[in-house]
Amino acid sequence: MDLLENAETKTVTATFELPGMKQQDVNIEVNGNCLTISGESKRSENHDKGGYTVQERSYGKFSRTLQIPQGMKAEDVHARMKNGLLTTGEGVVASA
């Protein structure tokens, strides 16, 4: 996770790298002054090499909770997911 605070525009932006994940696999919740990003990665790959089949599987849940800066409202939090990057911004609409 990369966290960037811009004092000039008074915004905070968090960027999460989520390779191979789709938007519908990620949950974003705001409860009080906390922003929680969570989800579950389910990845399976099959390769045929020299008469053998190789299967690789990767599964796992994740969750990260951040405190929303004082003075910001829950409705000021926005998110966008593009090419495996989830970008959240507090105060303005963030983009990847």
N, C-alpha and C. Protein backbone atom coordinates (compact mmCIF):
# COMPACT_ATOMS: atom_id res chain seq x y z
N MET A 1 0.84 -1.17 0.00
CA MET A 1 0.00 0.00 0.00
C MET A 1 0.89 1.24 0.00
N ASP A 2 0.55 2.19 -0.85
CA ASP A 2 1.21 3.49 -0.86
C ASP A 2 0.22 4.51 -0.33
N LEU A 3 0.67 5.35 0.59
CA LEU A 3 -0.17 6.36 1.20
C LEU A 3 0.46 7.72 0.94
N LEU A 4 -0.31 8.63 0.35
CA LEU A 4 0.21 9.95 0.00
C LEU A 4 -0.72 11.03 0.54
N GLU A 5 -0.16 11.95 1.30
CA GLU A 5 -0.93 13.09 1.81
C GLU A 5 -0.46 14.33 1.08
N ASN A 6 -1.40 15.07 0.50
CA ASN A 6 -1.09 16.29 -0.22
C ASN A 6 -1.62 17.47 0.60
N ALA A 7 -0.71 18.16 1.27
CA ALA A 7 -1.10 19.28 2.13
C ALA A 7 -1.68 20.43 1.33
N GLU A 8 -1.23 20.60 0.10
CA GLU A 8 -1.71 21.70 -0.74
C GLU A 8 -3.19 21.55 -1.08
N THR A 9 -3.58 20.34 -1.49
CA THR A 9 -4.98 20.11 -1.85
C THR A 9 -5.79 19.53 -0.69
N LYS A 10 -5.12 19.27 0.43
CA LYS A 10 -5.75 18.72 1.63
C LYS A 10 -6.46 17.40 1.34
N THR A 11 -5.75 16.51 0.63
CA THR A 11 -6.29 15.19 0.30
C THR A 11 -5.32 14.11 0.75
N VAL A 12 -5.86 12.91 0.94
CA VAL A 12 -5.07 11.72 1.26
C VAL A 12 -5.45 10.66 0.24
N THR A 13 -4.44 10.01 -0.36
CA THR A 13 -4.69 8.98 -1.36
C THR A 13 -3.95 7.70 -0.96
N ALA A 14 -4.65 6.58 -0.98
CA ALA A 14 -4.05 5.27 -0.72
C ALA A 14 -4.19 4.43 -1.97
N THR A 15 -3.09 3.79 -2.39
CA THR A 15 -3.10 2.93 -3.57
C THR A 15 -2.71 1.52 -3.15
N PHE A 16 -3.51 0.55 -3.54
CA PHE A 16 -3.28 -0.86 -3.22
C PHE A 16 -3.02 -1.63 -4.50
N GLU A 17 -1.96 -2.44 -4.53
CA GLU A 17 -1.69 -3.30 -5.68
C GLU A 17 -2.42 -4.62 -5.45
N LEU A 18 -3.34 -4.95 -6.34
CA LEU A 18 -4.15 -6.16 -6.24
C LEU A 18 -4.11 -6.91 -7.57
N PRO A 19 -2.93 -7.45 -7.95
CA PRO A 19 -2.81 -8.09 -9.27
C PRO A 19 -3.75 -9.28 -9.43
N GLY A 20 -4.38 -9.32 -10.58
CA GLY A 20 -5.27 -10.43 -10.92
C GLY A 20 -6.65 -10.36 -10.27
N MET A 21 -6.89 -9.37 -9.43
CA MET A 21 -8.19 -9.26 -8.78
C MET A 21 -9.12 -8.38 -9.59
N LYS A 22 -10.39 -8.70 -9.50
CA LYS A 22 -11.42 -7.93 -10.18
C LYS A 22 -12.12 -7.04 -9.16
N GLN A 23 -12.75 -6.01 -9.65
CA GLN A 23 -13.44 -5.05 -8.78
C GLN A 23 -14.46 -5.74 -7.88
N GLN A 24 -15.17 -6.73 -8.40
CA GLN A 24 -16.20 -7.39 -7.61
C GLN A 24 -15.62 -8.28 -6.51
N ASP A 25 -14.29 -8.53 -6.51
CA ASP A 25 -13.64 -9.33 -5.48
C ASP A 25 -13.14 -8.49 -4.30
N VAL A 26 -13.32 -7.16 -4.38
CA VAL A 26 -12.81 -6.24 -3.36
C VAL A 26 -13.97 -5.54 -2.67
N ASN A 27 -13.93 -5.51 -1.34
CA ASN A 27 -14.96 -4.83 -0.54
C ASN A 27 -14.36 -3.55 0.04
N ILE A 28 -15.11 -2.46 -0.03
CA ILE A 28 -14.70 -1.19 0.54
C ILE A 28 -15.81 -0.75 1.48
N GLU A 29 -15.46 -0.54 2.76
CA GLU A 29 -16.45 -0.14 3.75
C GLU A 29 -15.94 1.06 4.54
N VAL A 30 -16.84 1.96 4.85
CA VAL A 30 -16.54 3.08 5.73
C VAL A 30 -17.45 2.95 6.94
N ASN A 31 -16.84 2.80 8.11
CA ASN A 31 -17.58 2.72 9.37
C ASN A 31 -17.00 3.76 10.32
N GLY A 32 -17.79 4.76 10.64
CA GLY A 32 -17.29 5.83 11.50
C GLY A 32 -16.15 6.55 10.82
N ASN A 33 -14.99 6.54 11.46
CA ASN A 33 -13.83 7.20 10.87
C ASN A 33 -12.81 6.19 10.36
N CYS A 34 -13.26 4.98 10.03
CA CYS A 34 -12.37 3.93 9.52
C CYS A 34 -12.76 3.49 8.11
N LEU A 35 -11.77 3.34 7.26
CA LEU A 35 -11.94 2.83 5.90
C LEU A 35 -11.32 1.45 5.86
N THR A 36 -12.09 0.43 5.50
CA THR A 36 -11.59 -0.94 5.44
C THR A 36 -11.66 -1.45 4.01
N ILE A 37 -10.52 -1.95 3.53
CA ILE A 37 -10.40 -2.58 2.22
C ILE A 37 -10.17 -4.06 2.50
N SER A 38 -11.02 -4.93 1.93
CA SER A 38 -10.86 -6.37 2.15
C SER A 38 -11.24 -7.12 0.90
N GLY A 39 -10.87 -8.39 0.87
CA GLY A 39 -11.21 -9.22 -0.27
C GLY A 39 -10.58 -10.59 -0.16
N GLU A 40 -10.78 -11.37 -1.22
CA GLU A 40 -10.23 -12.72 -1.26
C GLU A 40 -9.69 -12.98 -2.66
N SER A 41 -8.45 -13.42 -2.69
CA SER A 41 -7.80 -13.74 -3.96
C SER A 41 -7.95 -15.23 -4.23
N LYS A 42 -8.43 -15.55 -5.42
CA LYS A 42 -8.59 -16.95 -5.85
C LYS A 42 -8.00 -17.04 -7.24
N ARG A 43 -6.81 -17.60 -7.34
CA ARG A 43 -6.15 -17.67 -8.64
C ARG A 43 -5.69 -19.09 -8.90
N SER A 44 -5.94 -19.56 -10.10
CA SER A 44 -5.52 -20.90 -10.50
C SER A 44 -4.99 -20.85 -11.93
N GLU A 45 -3.82 -21.43 -12.13
CA GLU A 45 -3.22 -21.46 -13.47
C GLU A 45 -2.81 -22.89 -13.82
N ASN A 46 -3.03 -23.26 -15.07
CA ASN A 46 -2.63 -24.56 -15.57
C ASN A 46 -1.67 -24.39 -16.74
N HIS A 47 -0.58 -25.15 -16.73
CA HIS A 47 0.41 -25.10 -17.81
C HIS A 47 0.75 -26.53 -18.23
N ASP A 48 0.85 -26.75 -19.53
CA ASP A 48 1.31 -28.04 -20.04
C ASP A 48 2.75 -27.88 -20.49
N LYS A 49 3.66 -28.68 -19.88
CA LYS A 49 5.08 -28.61 -20.23
C LYS A 49 5.62 -30.02 -20.39
N GLY A 50 6.12 -30.30 -21.56
CA GLY A 50 6.79 -31.58 -21.81
C GLY A 50 6.00 -32.80 -21.38
N GLY A 51 4.71 -32.82 -21.63
CA GLY A 51 3.89 -33.97 -21.27
C GLY A 51 3.37 -33.93 -19.84
N TYR A 52 3.73 -32.92 -19.08
CA TYR A 52 3.26 -32.77 -17.71
C TYR A 52 2.32 -31.58 -17.61
N THR A 53 1.37 -31.72 -16.74
CA THR A 53 0.48 -30.59 -16.46
C THR A 53 0.86 -30.01 -15.11
N VAL A 54 1.13 -28.73 -15.10
CA VAL A 54 1.48 -28.03 -13.87
C VAL A 54 0.31 -27.15 -13.47
N GLN A 55 -0.16 -27.31 -12.24
CA GLN A 55 -1.26 -26.50 -11.73
C GLN A 55 -0.76 -25.69 -10.54
N GLU A 56 -0.96 -24.39 -10.62
CA GLU A 56 -0.59 -23.51 -9.52
C GLU A 56 -1.83 -22.82 -9.01
N ARG A 57 -2.01 -22.84 -7.70
CA ARG A 57 -3.17 -22.22 -7.09
C ARG A 57 -2.72 -21.27 -5.98
N SER A 58 -3.41 -20.15 -5.88
CA SER A 58 -3.11 -19.16 -4.86
C SER A 58 -4.42 -18.64 -4.29
N TYR A 59 -4.59 -18.78 -2.98
CA TYR A 59 -5.81 -18.34 -2.32
C TYR A 59 -5.43 -17.55 -1.07
N GLY A 60 -6.21 -16.58 -0.75
CA GLY A 60 -5.95 -15.87 0.50
C GLY A 60 -6.87 -14.68 0.69
N LYS A 61 -7.19 -14.43 1.95
CA LYS A 61 -8.00 -13.28 2.31
C LYS A 61 -7.08 -12.17 2.80
N PHE A 62 -7.53 -10.93 2.63
CA PHE A 62 -6.78 -9.81 3.14
C PHE A 62 -7.74 -8.75 3.65
N SER A 63 -7.25 -7.92 4.55
CA SER A 63 -8.03 -6.83 5.09
C SER A 63 -7.07 -5.76 5.61
N ARG A 64 -7.36 -4.52 5.30
CA ARG A 64 -6.54 -3.39 5.76
C ARG A 64 -7.48 -2.28 6.17
N THR A 65 -7.31 -1.77 7.39
CA THR A 65 -8.15 -0.69 7.91
C THR A 65 -7.31 0.56 8.12
N LEU A 66 -7.79 1.67 7.60
CA LEU A 66 -7.12 2.96 7.72
C LEU A 66 -8.04 3.93 8.43
N GLN A 67 -7.47 4.80 9.22
CA GLN A 67 -8.26 5.84 9.88
C GLN A 67 -8.43 7.01 8.92
N ILE A 68 -9.67 7.45 8.76
CA ILE A 68 -9.95 8.61 7.91
C ILE A 68 -9.49 9.85 8.66
N PRO A 69 -8.76 10.74 7.99
CA PRO A 69 -8.25 11.94 8.67
C PRO A 69 -9.38 12.75 9.32
N GLN A 70 -9.06 13.34 10.45
CA GLN A 70 -10.02 14.15 11.18
C GLN A 70 -10.52 15.29 10.31
N GLY A 71 -11.82 15.54 10.36
CA GLY A 71 -12.42 16.61 9.57
C GLY A 71 -12.96 16.15 8.23
N MET A 72 -12.65 14.91 7.80
CA MET A 72 -13.18 14.39 6.54
C MET A 72 -14.42 13.54 6.83
N LYS A 73 -15.36 13.57 5.92
CA LYS A 73 -16.60 12.84 6.08
C LYS A 73 -16.56 11.56 5.24
N ALA A 74 -17.37 10.58 5.65
CA ALA A 74 -17.43 9.31 4.92
C ALA A 74 -17.82 9.52 3.46
N GLU A 75 -18.70 10.48 3.19
CA GLU A 75 -19.13 10.72 1.81
C GLU A 75 -18.03 11.37 0.96
N ASP A 76 -16.93 11.79 1.60
CA ASP A 76 -15.79 12.35 0.87
C ASP A 76 -14.82 11.28 0.38
N VAL A 77 -15.06 10.02 0.76
CA VAL A 77 -14.18 8.92 0.38
C VAL A 77 -14.65 8.34 -0.95
N HIS A 78 -13.72 8.25 -1.92
CA HIS A 78 -14.02 7.70 -3.24
C HIS A 78 -12.99 6.65 -3.59
N ALA A 79 -13.35 5.71 -4.49
CA ALA A 79 -12.42 4.65 -4.89
C ALA A 79 -12.57 4.35 -6.37
N ARG A 80 -11.47 3.89 -6.96
CA ARG A 80 -11.46 3.48 -8.36
C ARG A 80 -10.48 2.32 -8.51
N MET A 81 -10.87 1.31 -9.29
CA MET A 81 -9.99 0.17 -9.54
C MET A 81 -9.72 0.09 -11.03
N LYS A 82 -8.44 0.01 -11.39
CA LYS A 82 -8.05 -0.07 -12.79
C LYS A 82 -6.75 -0.85 -12.90
N ASN A 83 -6.74 -1.88 -13.74
CA ASN A 83 -5.54 -2.68 -14.01
C ASN A 83 -4.88 -3.21 -12.74
N GLY A 84 -5.68 -3.70 -11.79
CA GLY A 84 -5.13 -4.28 -10.57
C GLY A 84 -4.68 -3.28 -9.54
N LEU A 85 -4.95 -1.99 -9.75
CA LEU A 85 -4.61 -0.96 -8.76
C LEU A 85 -5.90 -0.37 -8.21
N LEU A 86 -6.06 -0.44 -6.90
CA LEU A 86 -7.19 0.18 -6.24
C LEU A 86 -6.69 1.47 -5.62
N THR A 87 -7.31 2.58 -6.00
CA THR A 87 -6.92 3.88 -5.47
C THR A 87 -8.10 4.47 -4.72
N THR A 88 -7.86 4.83 -3.46
CA THR A 88 -8.90 5.48 -2.67
C THR A 88 -8.43 6.89 -2.35
N GLY A 89 -9.35 7.80 -2.34
CA GLY A 89 -9.00 9.17 -2.02
C GLY A 89 -10.00 9.75 -1.05
N GLU A 90 -9.50 10.53 -0.13
CA GLU A 90 -10.37 11.21 0.82
C GLU A 90 -10.32 12.69 0.54
N GLY A 91 -11.45 13.26 0.22
CA GLY A 91 -11.53 14.69 -0.03
C GLY A 91 -11.79 15.01 -1.48
N VAL A 92 -11.27 14.20 -2.41
CA VAL A 92 -11.50 14.38 -3.83
C VAL A 92 -11.62 13.01 -4.47
N VAL A 93 -12.14 12.97 -5.69
CA VAL A 93 -12.20 11.71 -6.42
C VAL A 93 -10.80 11.37 -6.89
N ALA A 94 -10.32 10.17 -6.53
CA ALA A 94 -8.97 9.74 -6.92
C ALA A 94 -9.06 8.87 -8.17
N SER A 95 -7.99 8.83 -8.93
CA SER A 95 -7.97 7.96 -10.11
C SER A 95 -6.63 7.26 -10.22
N ALA A 96 -6.63 6.10 -10.88
CA ALA A 96 -5.40 5.32 -11.03
C ALA A 96 -4.69 5.67 -12.31
